[in-house]
Amino acid sequence: MEPTVWIWGLLACAVISGFYRKTLLTAVLVTLGLLAAVFQERLSIIAIGGIAIGFLVAYFTAKHEGKWRYAGLSFMLIWSLALFAHAIPGFDNLQVLDKVYASLDSTPFTMYLNLDKPLVFFGLLLAYPALLGSNKTCNVKALALVVMGCLSLLPIAAGLGALKFSFSTPHWLWLFVLNNLLFTCVAEEALFRGFIQQGLSKRFGWVIGLVVASLLFGFAHIAGGMLLVVFAGLAGLCYGLAFYLTGRLWVAVLVHFMFNLTHLIFFTYPMLAK
């Protein structure tokens, strides 16, 4: 294993600390992780500048109201999308899996430990402290129905020929679990549910927030084709409902992760080889 992987260990601890609302500890861990990345030459001057600008705007956004706050939140949305798209140069993300196969009928899978995408969670949490939700009373039965509906998308996709039932526990499963849970799902749920859905819901109502965030989440997967857009949008609807029903971002993260893990273990991943 690449010795610099401990950088992501610091960021993983920072994510956990962030969900516990330990602001100072989170800031320290993120700073240490980024300093380690600089020391290991995984961040360039341009990347450092992009990170600094994002965090500075996030800090001042949280301190202001009115038009300046809206301007700051708009910038944070663009900054987050740029990090998602790896559009800010200077990040040397670590490739940990290169065209591996989860099962015989699966398409090849490549995975990176990203330095840019996880920063979305920290930047949005700084700019928009309500990101983690409101901890309202949970409707457990409704949540259970949402989870079952979400998982039912996988056999439906198999019935349409996009996937195939295929049980597998690849040797790299542990690495997938850590990366997908703490970095991929956290960053995506922070942006689409904690930030976009919650922000729109407060202004236009929860239905608008849920639908728009789910549509955007679906179209974020356009590179995989329209069928993936549809299924990602439906899955996003389930994650959004989990967030709406519980008021807790971490629940949406867990539902998202449960879906991805079920996909990997019980079906061809990421898709069925043609």
Protein backbone atom coordinates (compact mmCIF):
# COMPACT_ATOMS: atom_id res chain seq x y z
CA MET A 1 0.00 0.00 0.00
CA GLU A 2 1.23 3.50 -0.88
CA PRO A 3 2.82 5.04 2.27
CA THR A 4 1.06 8.39 1.75
CA VAL A 5 -2.33 6.75 2.38
CA TRP A 6 -2.19 8.05 5.96
CA ILE A 7 -3.10 11.48 4.54
CA TRP A 8 -6.59 10.14 3.90
CA GLY A 9 -6.60 8.66 7.39
CA LEU A 10 -6.42 12.20 8.77
CA LEU A 11 -9.19 13.35 6.44
CA ALA A 12 -11.33 10.36 7.42
CA CYS A 13 -10.95 11.28 11.09
CA ALA A 14 -11.85 14.86 10.18
CA VAL A 15 -15.06 13.68 8.50
CA ILE A 16 -16.10 11.75 11.61
CA SER A 17 -15.22 14.73 13.80
CA GLY A 18 -17.27 17.00 11.54
CA PHE A 19 -20.39 14.88 12.01
CA TYR A 20 -19.89 15.13 15.76
CA ARG A 21 -19.75 18.93 15.33
CA LYS A 22 -16.25 19.15 16.84
CA THR A 23 -15.32 22.29 14.93
CA LEU A 24 -11.83 22.89 16.29
CA LEU A 25 -10.77 19.24 16.07
CA THR A 26 -12.13 19.01 12.52
CA ALA A 27 -10.19 22.12 11.48
CA VAL A 28 -6.98 20.76 13.02
CA LEU A 29 -7.33 17.37 11.31
CA VAL A 30 -8.10 18.92 7.92
CA THR A 31 -5.14 21.27 8.27
CA LEU A 32 -2.81 18.41 9.21
CA GLY A 33 -4.09 16.33 6.31
CA LEU A 34 -3.52 19.14 3.82
CA LEU A 35 -0.08 19.96 5.22
CA ALA A 36 0.83 16.28 4.91
CA ALA A 37 -0.39 16.32 1.30
CA VAL A 38 1.78 19.36 0.58
CA PHE A 39 4.79 17.70 2.24
CA GLN A 40 4.21 14.55 0.15
CA GLU A 41 3.91 16.72 -3.00
CA ARG A 42 0.31 15.74 -3.68
CA LEU A 43 -0.88 19.36 -3.78
CA SER A 44 0.49 22.08 -6.06
CA ILE A 45 0.49 25.84 -5.44
CA ILE A 46 -2.59 26.18 -7.67
CA ALA A 47 -4.48 23.54 -5.66
CA ILE A 48 -3.49 25.21 -2.39
CA GLY A 49 -4.77 28.52 -3.73
CA GLY A 50 -8.06 26.95 -4.79
CA ILE A 51 -8.51 25.38 -1.37
CA ALA A 52 -7.64 28.60 0.45
CA ILE A 53 -10.06 30.68 -1.61
CA GLY A 54 -12.87 28.19 -1.02
CA PHE A 55 -12.35 28.03 2.73
CA LEU A 56 -12.00 31.83 3.04
CA VAL A 57 -15.24 32.40 1.13
CA ALA A 58 -16.91 29.72 3.28
CA TYR A 59 -15.75 31.42 6.48
CA PHE A 60 -17.01 34.87 5.46
CA THR A 61 -20.26 33.44 4.04
CA ALA A 62 -21.13 32.05 7.46
CA LYS A 63 -20.54 35.50 8.99
CA HIS A 64 -22.81 37.47 6.65
CA GLU A 65 -26.50 37.71 5.79
CA GLY A 66 -28.49 38.99 2.83
CA LYS A 67 -27.00 39.37 -0.63
CA TRP A 68 -23.44 38.69 0.51
CA ARG A 69 -24.52 35.38 1.99
CA TYR A 70 -26.31 34.37 -1.21
CA ALA A 71 -23.27 35.37 -3.25
CA GLY A 72 -21.04 33.31 -0.97
CA LEU A 73 -23.31 30.27 -1.11
CA SER A 74 -23.46 30.54 -4.91
CA PHE A 75 -19.67 30.60 -5.03
CA MET A 76 -19.50 27.57 -2.74
CA LEU A 77 -21.80 25.67 -5.10
CA ILE A 78 -19.53 26.43 -8.05
CA TRP A 79 -16.42 25.61 -6.00
CA SER A 80 -17.94 22.30 -4.91
CA LEU A 81 -18.89 21.34 -8.46
CA ALA A 82 -15.36 22.19 -9.62
CA LEU A 83 -13.91 19.88 -6.98
CA PHE A 84 -16.36 17.12 -7.92
CA ALA A 85 -15.34 17.44 -11.57
CA HIS A 86 -11.62 17.55 -10.67
CA ALA A 87 -11.55 20.86 -12.55
CA ILE A 88 -9.15 22.61 -10.16
CA PRO A 89 -5.64 21.55 -11.20
CA GLY A 90 -2.85 20.52 -8.86
CA PHE A 91 -4.45 17.63 -6.95
CA ASP A 92 -2.47 14.39 -7.20
CA ASN A 93 -5.18 11.92 -6.26
CA LEU A 94 -3.97 8.45 -5.31
CA GLN A 95 -5.01 5.58 -7.57
CA VAL A 96 -5.55 2.51 -5.39
CA LEU A 97 -7.42 0.23 -7.82
CA ASP A 98 -6.68 0.00 -11.53
CA LYS A 99 -9.18 -1.81 -13.76
CA VAL A 100 -10.01 -4.53 -11.26
CA TYR A 101 -13.02 -6.84 -11.55
CA ALA A 102 -15.52 -7.36 -8.75
CA SER A 103 -16.80 -10.48 -10.54
CA LEU A 104 -16.38 -12.26 -13.88
CA ASP A 105 -19.31 -10.48 -15.52
CA SER A 106 -18.47 -7.01 -14.20
CA THR A 107 -16.94 -4.14 -16.12
CA PRO A 108 -13.47 -3.03 -14.94
CA PHE A 109 -13.39 -0.71 -11.94
CA THR A 110 -10.80 1.94 -11.12
CA MET A 111 -10.79 3.80 -7.81
CA TYR A 112 -8.91 6.80 -6.45
CA LEU A 113 -8.49 8.23 -3.00
CA ASN A 114 -9.32 11.82 -3.90
CA LEU A 115 -7.96 14.89 -2.17
CA ASP A 116 -10.30 17.35 -3.87
CA LYS A 117 -13.77 15.79 -3.54
CA PRO A 118 -13.67 15.25 0.28
CA LEU A 119 -12.99 18.97 0.76
CA VAL A 120 -16.55 19.70 -0.39
CA PHE A 121 -17.90 18.43 2.93
CA PHE A 122 -15.58 20.63 4.99
CA GLY A 123 -16.11 23.74 2.87
CA LEU A 124 -19.90 23.45 2.89
CA LEU A 125 -19.96 22.67 6.61
CA LEU A 126 -18.01 25.86 7.26
CA ALA A 127 -20.18 28.02 4.99
CA TYR A 128 -23.52 26.44 5.88
CA PRO A 129 -23.53 25.14 9.48
CA ALA A 130 -27.07 23.74 9.03
CA LEU A 131 -25.58 21.20 6.58
CA LEU A 132 -25.83 18.26 9.00
CA GLY A 133 -29.59 18.70 9.46
CA SER A 134 -31.92 19.35 12.36
CA ASN A 135 -32.36 15.97 14.14
CA LYS A 136 -36.15 15.93 13.95
CA THR A 137 -38.27 13.00 15.15
CA CYS A 138 -37.74 10.05 12.83
CA ASN A 139 -40.58 8.15 11.17
CA VAL A 140 -38.95 4.71 11.34
CA LYS A 141 -41.60 2.85 9.32
CA ALA A 142 -41.48 5.39 6.50
CA LEU A 143 -37.68 5.27 6.53
CA ALA A 144 -37.73 1.46 6.29
CA LEU A 145 -40.02 1.67 3.25
CA VAL A 146 -37.66 4.18 1.63
CA VAL A 147 -34.67 1.88 2.20
CA MET A 148 -36.52 -1.11 0.75
CA GLY A 149 -37.60 0.96 -2.23
CA CYS A 150 -34.04 2.12 -2.74
CA LEU A 151 -32.59 -1.40 -2.67
CA SER A 152 -35.32 -2.65 -5.02
CA LEU A 153 -33.79 -0.48 -7.76
CA LEU A 154 -30.93 -2.97 -8.06
CA PRO A 155 -32.97 -6.05 -9.08
CA ILE A 156 -35.02 -3.80 -11.37
CA ALA A 157 -31.79 -2.71 -13.07
CA ALA A 158 -30.82 -6.37 -13.33
CA GLY A 159 -34.17 -7.14 -14.95
CA LEU A 160 -33.49 -4.44 -17.53
CA GLY A 161 -30.10 -5.95 -18.34
CA ALA A 162 -27.91 -3.23 -16.86
CA LEU A 163 -26.77 -5.46 -13.98
CA LYS A 164 -26.66 -9.15 -13.12
CA PHE A 165 -26.93 -10.99 -9.82
CA SER A 166 -23.37 -11.92 -8.86
CA PHE A 167 -22.20 -12.44 -5.29
CA SER A 168 -18.63 -11.29 -4.65
CA THR A 169 -16.43 -10.11 -1.81
CA PRO A 170 -13.27 -8.88 -3.55
CA HIS A 171 -10.06 -8.59 -1.56
CA TRP A 172 -10.22 -4.80 -1.89
CA LEU A 173 -13.70 -4.62 -0.29
CA TRP A 174 -12.36 -2.98 2.89
CA LEU A 175 -10.77 -0.19 0.86
CA PHE A 176 -13.99 0.36 -1.07
CA VAL A 177 -15.96 0.54 2.19
CA LEU A 178 -13.72 3.19 3.74
CA ASN A 179 -13.46 5.31 0.61
CA ASN A 180 -17.10 5.04 -0.41
CA LEU A 181 -18.55 5.66 3.05
CA LEU A 182 -16.28 8.41 4.37
CA PHE A 183 -15.40 10.27 1.18
CA THR A 184 -17.69 9.51 -1.77
CA CYS A 185 -21.06 9.26 -0.01
CA VAL A 186 -20.31 12.01 2.51
CA ALA A 187 -19.26 14.49 -0.18
CA GLU A 188 -22.19 13.69 -2.47
CA GLU A 189 -24.80 13.79 0.29
CA ALA A 190 -23.33 16.98 1.70
CA LEU A 191 -23.71 18.73 -1.65
CA PHE A 192 -26.97 17.30 -2.97
CA ARG A 193 -28.93 16.74 0.23
CA GLY A 194 -27.38 18.85 2.99
CA PHE A 195 -26.74 21.90 0.81
CA ILE A 196 -28.93 21.89 -2.31
CA GLN A 197 -32.02 20.03 -1.07
CA GLN A 198 -32.05 21.65 2.34
CA GLY A 199 -31.40 25.14 0.98
CA LEU A 200 -34.15 24.89 -1.64
CA SER A 201 -36.56 23.28 0.83
CA LYS A 202 -36.25 26.20 3.24
CA ARG A 203 -37.04 28.65 0.45
CA PHE A 204 -39.50 26.79 -1.79
CA GLY A 205 -40.78 23.83 0.25
CA TRP A 206 -39.54 20.29 0.77
CA VAL A 207 -41.05 18.83 -2.41
CA ILE A 208 -39.21 21.30 -4.66
CA GLY A 209 -35.99 20.77 -2.74
CA LEU A 210 -36.29 17.00 -2.95
CA VAL A 211 -37.15 16.85 -6.65
CA VAL A 212 -34.57 19.39 -7.84
CA ALA A 213 -31.74 17.84 -5.81
CA SER A 214 -32.66 14.36 -7.08
CA LEU A 215 -32.76 15.52 -10.70
CA LEU A 216 -29.39 17.21 -10.36
CA PHE A 217 -27.95 14.10 -8.73
CA GLY A 218 -29.24 12.01 -11.62
CA PHE A 219 -27.77 14.27 -14.28
CA ALA A 220 -24.45 14.29 -12.44
CA HIS A 221 -24.17 10.68 -13.69
CA ILE A 222 -24.77 11.57 -17.35
CA ALA A 223 -21.38 10.13 -18.36
CA GLY A 224 -22.82 6.65 -17.73
CA GLY A 225 -25.76 7.13 -20.10
CA MET A 226 -29.43 7.97 -19.68
CA LEU A 227 -30.36 4.72 -17.95
CA LEU A 228 -27.85 5.49 -15.21
CA VAL A 229 -29.20 9.05 -15.00
CA VAL A 230 -32.71 7.67 -14.37
CA PHE A 231 -31.62 5.15 -11.75
CA ALA A 232 -29.27 7.63 -10.05
CA GLY A 233 -32.12 10.13 -9.93
CA LEU A 234 -34.45 7.56 -8.36
CA ALA A 235 -31.76 6.55 -5.87
CA GLY A 236 -31.21 10.24 -5.13
CA LEU A 237 -34.93 10.56 -4.44
CA CYS A 238 -34.58 7.82 -1.82
CA TYR A 239 -31.55 9.45 -0.22
CA GLY A 240 -33.43 12.74 -0.17
CA LEU A 241 -36.46 11.15 1.46
CA ALA A 242 -34.20 9.59 4.09
CA PHE A 243 -32.83 13.05 4.81
CA TYR A 244 -36.29 14.64 4.86
CA LEU A 245 -37.79 11.97 7.14
CA THR A 246 -34.99 12.07 9.70
CA GLY A 247 -33.48 15.53 9.36
CA ARG A 248 -30.07 13.86 9.65
CA LEU A 249 -27.47 14.00 6.91
CA TRP A 250 -25.68 10.94 8.28
CA VAL A 251 -28.79 8.84 7.66
CA ALA A 252 -28.79 9.84 3.99
CA VAL A 253 -25.08 8.96 3.86
CA LEU A 254 -25.74 5.51 5.34
CA VAL A 255 -28.63 4.78 2.96
CA HIS A 256 -26.45 5.85 0.02
CA PHE A 257 -23.58 3.67 1.25
CA MET A 258 -25.90 0.70 1.90
CA PHE A 259 -27.10 0.93 -1.70
CA ASN A 260 -23.55 1.05 -3.08
CA LEU A 261 -22.33 -1.80 -0.88
CA THR A 262 -25.30 -4.00 -1.80
CA HIS A 263 -24.61 -3.24 -5.45
CA LEU A 264 -20.97 -4.30 -5.11
CA ILE A 265 -21.55 -7.51 -3.13
CA PHE A 266 -24.69 -8.90 -4.78
CA PHE A 267 -24.57 -7.56 -8.36
CA THR A 268 -22.09 -6.90 -11.13
CA TYR A 269 -20.19 -3.73 -10.26
CA PRO A 270 -20.14 -1.10 -11.57
CA MET A 271 -22.06 -2.50 -14.57
CA LEU A 272 -22.67 -5.72 -16.46
CA ALA A 273 -20.03 -6.39 -19.11
CA LYS A 274 -21.60 -6.60 -22.57
